[in-house]
Amino acid sequence: MDWNSLIKGFKAYLQLERSLSPNSVDAYLRDIRKFVEFLEIKGWKITALQVEMKHLEKFIFWINELGLGERTQARIISGLKAFYKFLLVEDLLDTAPTDLLEGPRLERKIPEVLSVEEVNAVLDSIDLSTPHGTRNRAMLETLYACGLRVSELINLRLTNLYPEIGFVKVIGKNNKERIVPIGDSALKHINFYLEGVRRAQMNIHPDHENFVFLNRRGKKLTRVMLFMVVKDATLAAGIDKTVSPHTFRHSFATHLVEGGADLKAVQDMLGHESITTTEIYTHLDREFLRETILNFHPRGK
């Protein structure tokens, strides 16, 4: 089979069996085509089923020579591994040439987080007397209370709110559902927003009536709008950090872990498939560690 036919099948596999987002699918396909481009440059007229480890090693050396960053290289290698896994699933190969392929070792970046005091400052900076103040406060309260991703917040639906028991149902990556607790403060501000005059008088688009957070045209918010709300609130609070909506998710997880929450419980609330991803939040500032040792270690006092 030629490359184009296999890539077409790979695309269907990613969409239907892996249920990946359009952006992720496009990224995988670009990476495979980059490898095909490399083979053409080298003049190697081989099919995907004829690729050997030596070809892959030459390709990795090539993208390194191009000056691509380590994370980009790692992503490309991940795409190749996924492609050959697809060929194995389809019984087109017995073994994959990517089995022993290793990418660059990446340092795990510690995400930027806000302290509890900084989170409160951002929330308190929002002027509730402005047209969208109650909505913006409710959004940021919910981001921090539930540790939601941007897409999860803007797609939050009224029918997935369960205030009487203090939970929300979240539709996460790959349409996976999870139930997350939500605190009284967030519920209070959501209620202020939903029962407010502005929401009640809004001409809501028929297809968007079930979304919790709406823009002035009665449609669900965009990602860009949420980033702007966070940026404005951070500036108003006078916080000199690079803060995005995802910062509230990082802060949510970090504060839970620092408070002694079970890592598996945090994993479930964040919707992480692997506990390894959640372990990034076990980073604690040095002063916190120092105080812990001094307070609890038998030889620390």
Protein backbone atom coordinates (compact mmCIF):
# COMPACT_ATOMS: atom_id res chain seq x y z
CA MET A 1 0.00 0.00 0.00
CA ASP A 2 1.24 3.52 -0.78
CA TRP A 3 1.81 6.26 1.78
CA ASN A 4 -1.30 8.26 0.88
CA SER A 5 -3.62 5.30 1.41
CA LEU A 6 -2.06 4.45 4.76
CA ILE A 7 -2.13 8.05 5.93
CA LYS A 8 -5.80 8.24 5.00
CA GLY A 9 -6.47 5.10 7.04
CA PHE A 10 -4.39 6.50 9.90
CA LYS A 11 -6.52 9.64 9.91
CA ALA A 12 -9.71 7.60 10.22
CA TYR A 13 -8.11 5.55 13.02
CA LEU A 14 -7.24 8.70 14.97
CA GLN A 15 -10.70 10.18 14.49
CA LEU A 16 -12.85 7.11 15.08
CA GLU A 17 -10.87 4.82 17.37
CA ARG A 18 -8.72 7.31 19.25
CA SER A 19 -11.39 10.06 19.21
CA LEU A 20 -8.71 12.75 18.97
CA SER A 21 -9.51 16.40 18.42
CA PRO A 22 -9.13 17.86 14.90
CA ASN A 23 -6.01 19.77 16.00
CA SER A 24 -4.36 16.62 17.33
CA VAL A 25 -5.22 14.67 14.18
CA ASP A 26 -3.75 17.41 11.99
CA ALA A 27 -0.55 17.45 14.08
CA TYR A 28 -0.09 13.67 13.73
CA LEU A 29 -0.64 13.80 9.98
CA ARG A 30 1.83 16.68 9.55
CA ASP A 31 4.48 14.69 11.38
CA ILE A 32 4.02 11.62 9.19
CA ARG A 33 4.14 13.73 6.04
CA LYS A 34 7.35 15.31 7.30
CA PHE A 35 8.88 11.83 7.46
CA VAL A 36 7.64 11.07 3.92
CA GLU A 37 9.18 14.35 2.77
CA PHE A 38 12.50 13.29 4.32
CA LEU A 39 12.41 9.95 2.46
CA GLU A 40 11.79 11.79 -0.81
CA ILE A 41 14.69 14.16 -0.17
CA LYS A 42 16.94 11.17 0.43
CA GLY A 43 15.66 9.46 -2.72
CA TRP A 44 14.56 6.39 -0.76
CA LYS A 45 11.59 4.97 -2.62
CA ILE A 46 10.24 2.74 0.13
CA THR A 47 6.78 2.16 1.49
CA ALA A 48 5.76 2.50 5.12
CA LEU A 49 5.96 -1.27 5.46
CA GLN A 50 9.60 -1.26 4.30
CA VAL A 51 10.84 1.37 6.77
CA GLU A 52 13.62 0.17 9.08
CA MET A 53 15.21 1.51 12.21
CA LYS A 54 18.12 2.93 10.22
CA HIS A 55 15.75 5.15 8.22
CA LEU A 56 14.13 6.44 11.39
CA GLU A 57 17.49 7.17 13.01
CA LYS A 58 18.59 9.17 9.96
CA PHE A 59 15.30 11.08 10.12
CA ILE A 60 15.78 11.95 13.79
CA PHE A 61 19.28 13.18 13.03
CA TRP A 62 17.84 15.26 10.16
CA ILE A 63 15.15 17.04 12.20
CA ASN A 64 17.75 17.69 14.88
CA GLU A 65 20.01 19.29 12.25
CA LEU A 66 17.07 21.45 11.17
CA GLY A 67 17.16 22.99 14.62
CA LEU A 68 13.75 21.78 15.77
CA GLY A 69 13.27 22.02 19.52
CA GLU A 70 13.32 18.99 21.78
CA ARG A 71 9.58 19.12 22.40
CA THR A 72 8.87 19.30 18.67
CA GLN A 73 11.17 16.33 18.07
CA ALA A 74 9.47 14.37 20.83
CA ARG A 75 6.05 15.13 19.35
CA ILE A 76 7.15 13.97 15.89
CA ILE A 77 8.50 10.71 17.32
CA SER A 78 5.22 10.23 19.19
CA GLY A 79 3.39 10.67 15.87
CA LEU A 80 5.55 8.05 14.18
CA LYS A 81 4.97 5.60 17.01
CA ALA A 82 1.21 6.16 16.76
CA PHE A 83 1.32 5.58 12.99
CA TYR A 84 3.14 2.28 13.34
CA LYS A 85 0.85 1.23 16.15
CA PHE A 86 -2.00 1.74 13.68
CA LEU A 87 -0.22 -0.51 11.16
CA LEU A 88 0.13 -3.19 13.84
CA VAL A 89 -3.56 -2.90 14.74
CA GLU A 90 -4.42 -3.34 11.06
CA ASP A 91 -2.19 -6.46 10.91
CA LEU A 92 -0.07 -4.87 8.21
CA LEU A 93 3.08 -5.46 10.25
CA ASP A 94 4.17 -8.00 12.83
CA THR A 95 6.67 -5.68 14.50
CA ALA A 96 7.09 -1.91 14.39
CA PRO A 97 10.42 -0.30 13.47
CA THR A 98 9.63 2.41 16.04
CA ASP A 99 9.76 0.00 19.01
CA LEU A 100 13.30 1.00 19.99
CA LEU A 101 13.05 4.59 18.80
CA GLU A 102 13.81 7.05 21.58
CA GLY A 103 13.24 10.77 21.63
CA PRO A 104 15.03 13.51 23.56
CA ARG A 105 14.58 13.44 27.31
CA LEU A 106 12.48 16.43 28.23
CA GLU A 107 12.68 18.37 31.42
CA ARG A 108 9.29 18.57 33.05
CA LYS A 109 8.28 22.20 33.25
CA ILE A 110 6.82 23.34 36.52
CA PRO A 111 3.72 25.36 35.63
CA GLU A 112 3.18 28.90 36.87
CA VAL A 113 0.80 28.97 39.81
CA LEU A 114 -0.88 31.61 41.92
CA SER A 115 -0.84 31.60 45.69
CA VAL A 116 -4.18 31.45 47.50
CA GLU A 117 -3.80 35.16 48.28
CA GLU A 118 -3.17 35.95 44.60
CA VAL A 119 -6.19 33.93 43.49
CA ASN A 120 -8.34 35.87 45.95
CA ALA A 121 -6.87 39.17 44.71
CA VAL A 122 -7.74 38.30 41.09
CA LEU A 123 -11.27 37.31 42.02
CA ASP A 124 -11.81 40.39 44.17
CA SER A 125 -10.51 42.68 41.41
CA ILE A 126 -13.56 42.00 39.23
CA ASP A 127 -16.07 44.85 39.34
CA LEU A 128 -19.47 43.23 39.90
CA SER A 129 -21.25 46.44 38.93
CA THR A 130 -20.10 46.20 35.30
CA PRO A 131 -22.34 44.52 32.68
CA HIS A 132 -20.32 41.30 32.62
CA GLY A 133 -18.83 41.47 36.12
CA THR A 134 -21.04 38.79 37.69
CA ARG A 135 -20.39 36.46 34.73
CA ASN A 136 -16.63 36.97 34.84
CA ARG A 137 -16.48 36.42 38.59
CA ALA A 138 -18.56 33.24 38.25
CA MET A 139 -16.28 31.95 35.47
CA LEU A 140 -13.03 32.44 37.37
CA GLU A 141 -14.57 31.08 40.58
CA THR A 142 -15.56 27.95 38.64
CA LEU A 143 -12.14 27.60 36.98
CA TYR A 144 -10.43 27.62 40.36
CA ALA A 145 -13.08 25.63 42.25
CA CYS A 146 -13.11 22.75 39.76
CA GLY A 147 -9.72 22.91 38.01
CA LEU A 148 -11.35 23.01 34.58
CA ARG A 149 -9.66 23.27 31.21
CA VAL A 150 -10.63 26.22 29.00
CA SER A 151 -12.75 24.06 26.68
CA GLU A 152 -14.49 22.45 29.67
CA LEU A 153 -15.52 25.81 31.10
CA ILE A 154 -16.83 27.40 27.91
CA ASN A 155 -18.78 24.20 27.13
CA LEU A 156 -20.22 23.83 30.64
CA ARG A 157 -23.96 23.22 30.41
CA LEU A 158 -26.81 24.14 32.74
CA THR A 159 -28.03 20.54 32.69
CA ASN A 160 -24.63 19.42 34.01
CA LEU A 161 -24.86 21.56 37.15
CA TYR A 162 -26.02 19.79 40.30
CA PRO A 163 -25.97 22.54 42.95
CA GLU A 164 -28.13 20.60 45.39
CA ILE A 165 -25.34 18.05 45.85
CA GLY A 166 -22.39 20.31 45.05
CA PHE A 167 -21.13 18.65 41.85
CA VAL A 168 -20.76 19.42 38.14
CA LYS A 169 -20.49 16.98 35.27
CA VAL A 170 -17.58 17.87 33.02
CA ILE A 171 -17.06 16.79 29.41
CA GLY A 172 -13.29 16.52 29.06
CA LYS A 173 -10.81 15.42 26.42
CA ASN A 174 -12.07 12.81 23.96
CA ASN A 175 -15.61 13.41 25.30
CA LYS A 176 -14.81 11.65 28.56
CA GLU A 177 -17.16 12.56 31.39
CA ARG A 178 -16.17 13.10 34.99
CA ILE A 179 -17.92 14.37 38.10
CA VAL A 180 -16.13 17.18 39.97
CA PRO A 181 -17.06 18.78 43.31
CA ILE A 182 -17.79 22.50 43.23
CA GLY A 183 -17.59 24.75 46.27
CA ASP A 184 -20.21 27.06 47.77
CA SER A 185 -18.45 30.23 46.63
CA ALA A 186 -18.47 29.22 42.96
CA LEU A 187 -22.09 28.07 43.17
CA LYS A 188 -23.08 31.35 44.81
CA HIS A 189 -21.55 33.43 42.01
CA ILE A 190 -22.98 31.17 39.29
CA ASN A 191 -26.38 31.69 40.89
CA PHE A 192 -25.86 35.48 40.99
CA TYR A 193 -25.05 35.40 37.28
CA LEU A 194 -27.87 33.08 36.20
CA GLU A 195 -30.51 35.00 38.18
CA GLY A 196 -29.13 38.42 37.31
CA VAL A 197 -31.02 41.00 35.31
CA ARG A 198 -28.56 40.94 32.40
CA ARG A 199 -28.85 37.19 31.84
CA ALA A 200 -32.63 37.30 32.22
CA GLN A 201 -32.98 40.04 29.61
CA MET A 202 -30.51 38.52 27.14
CA ASN A 203 -31.68 37.37 23.73
CA ILE A 204 -30.12 33.91 23.86
CA HIS A 205 -29.41 32.07 20.61
CA PRO A 206 -31.63 28.94 20.40
CA ASP A 207 -28.64 26.59 20.02
CA HIS A 208 -26.85 28.08 23.03
CA GLU A 209 -29.58 28.13 25.69
CA ASN A 210 -28.00 25.27 27.66
CA PHE A 211 -24.54 26.84 27.98
CA VAL A 212 -23.83 28.43 31.34
CA PHE A 213 -21.57 31.29 30.25
CA LEU A 214 -22.65 33.47 27.33
CA ASN A 215 -21.33 36.52 25.52
CA ARG A 216 -23.36 39.69 24.90
CA ARG A 217 -24.81 38.17 21.71
CA GLY A 218 -26.33 35.27 23.62
CA LYS A 219 -23.83 32.67 22.42
CA LYS A 220 -21.28 30.60 24.32
CA LEU A 221 -17.95 32.24 24.99
CA THR A 222 -14.86 31.75 22.86
CA ARG A 223 -11.48 30.71 24.19
CA VAL A 224 -10.07 34.13 23.30
CA MET A 225 -12.72 35.90 25.36
CA LEU A 226 -11.90 33.82 28.43
CA PHE A 227 -8.19 34.60 28.06
CA MET A 228 -9.03 38.32 27.86
CA VAL A 229 -11.15 38.16 31.02
CA VAL A 230 -8.30 36.49 32.93
CA LYS A 231 -5.74 38.97 31.58
CA ASP A 232 -7.84 41.99 32.58
CA ALA A 233 -8.53 40.63 36.07
CA THR A 234 -4.84 39.82 36.62
CA LEU A 235 -3.80 43.33 35.59
CA ALA A 236 -6.46 44.85 37.84
CA ALA A 237 -5.12 42.78 40.76
CA GLY A 238 -1.60 44.06 40.12
CA ILE A 239 -0.09 40.59 39.80
CA ASP A 240 3.18 40.48 37.87
CA LYS A 241 2.95 36.93 36.55
CA THR A 242 2.04 35.36 33.23
CA VAL A 243 -1.48 34.18 34.04
CA SER A 244 -3.86 32.31 31.74
CA PRO A 245 -7.08 30.37 32.40
CA HIS A 246 -4.93 27.25 32.73
CA THR A 247 -3.06 28.90 35.61
CA PHE A 248 -6.21 28.50 37.70
CA ARG A 249 -6.20 24.77 36.92
CA HIS A 250 -2.55 24.51 37.95
CA SER A 251 -3.26 26.49 41.12
CA PHE A 252 -6.29 24.32 41.95
CA ALA A 253 -4.21 21.15 41.74
CA THR A 254 -1.17 22.56 43.54
CA HIS A 255 -3.20 23.91 46.44
CA LEU A 256 -4.97 20.57 46.84
CA VAL A 257 -1.69 18.64 46.90
CA GLU A 258 -0.10 21.14 49.29
CA GLY A 259 -3.13 20.75 51.53
CA GLY A 260 -2.60 16.99 51.70
CA ALA A 261 -5.12 15.77 49.12
CA ASP A 262 -4.70 12.25 47.78
CA LEU A 263 -2.91 12.34 44.42
CA LYS A 264 -5.31 9.79 42.91
CA ALA A 265 -8.26 11.98 43.87
CA VAL A 266 -6.60 15.00 42.26
CA GLN A 267 -5.95 12.92 39.14
CA ASP A 268 -9.64 12.02 38.92
CA MET A 269 -10.76 15.62 39.40
CA LEU A 270 -8.37 16.87 36.71
CA GLY A 271 -9.35 14.11 34.29
CA HIS A 272 -5.76 12.92 33.77
CA GLU A 273 -5.43 9.48 32.22
CA SER A 274 -2.05 8.89 33.84
CA ILE A 275 -1.01 9.58 37.43
CA THR A 276 2.38 10.62 36.02
CA THR A 277 0.79 13.75 34.57
CA THR A 278 -0.67 14.65 37.95
CA GLU A 279 2.65 14.17 39.73
CA ILE A 280 3.88 17.48 38.31
CA TYR A 281 1.74 19.10 41.02
CA THR A 282 3.75 17.52 43.79
CA HIS A 283 6.21 20.38 43.39
CA LEU A 284 5.98 22.45 46.56
CA ASP A 285 7.81 25.67 47.25
CA ARG A 286 10.94 25.38 49.36
CA GLU A 287 9.53 27.31 52.27
CA PHE A 288 6.56 24.94 52.47
CA LEU A 289 8.90 21.94 52.51
CA ARG A 290 11.12 23.57 55.11
CA GLU A 291 8.15 24.29 57.40
CA THR A 292 6.87 20.73 56.97
CA ILE A 293 10.20 19.24 58.00
CA LEU A 294 10.60 21.59 60.95
CA ASN A 295 7.07 20.88 62.18
CA PHE A 296 6.85 17.14 61.66
CA HIS A 297 10.31 15.54 61.46
CA PRO A 298 11.40 14.18 64.85
CA ARG A 299 14.86 15.70 64.44
CA GLY A 300 13.64 18.89 62.80
CA LYS A 301 12.78 20.80 65.96
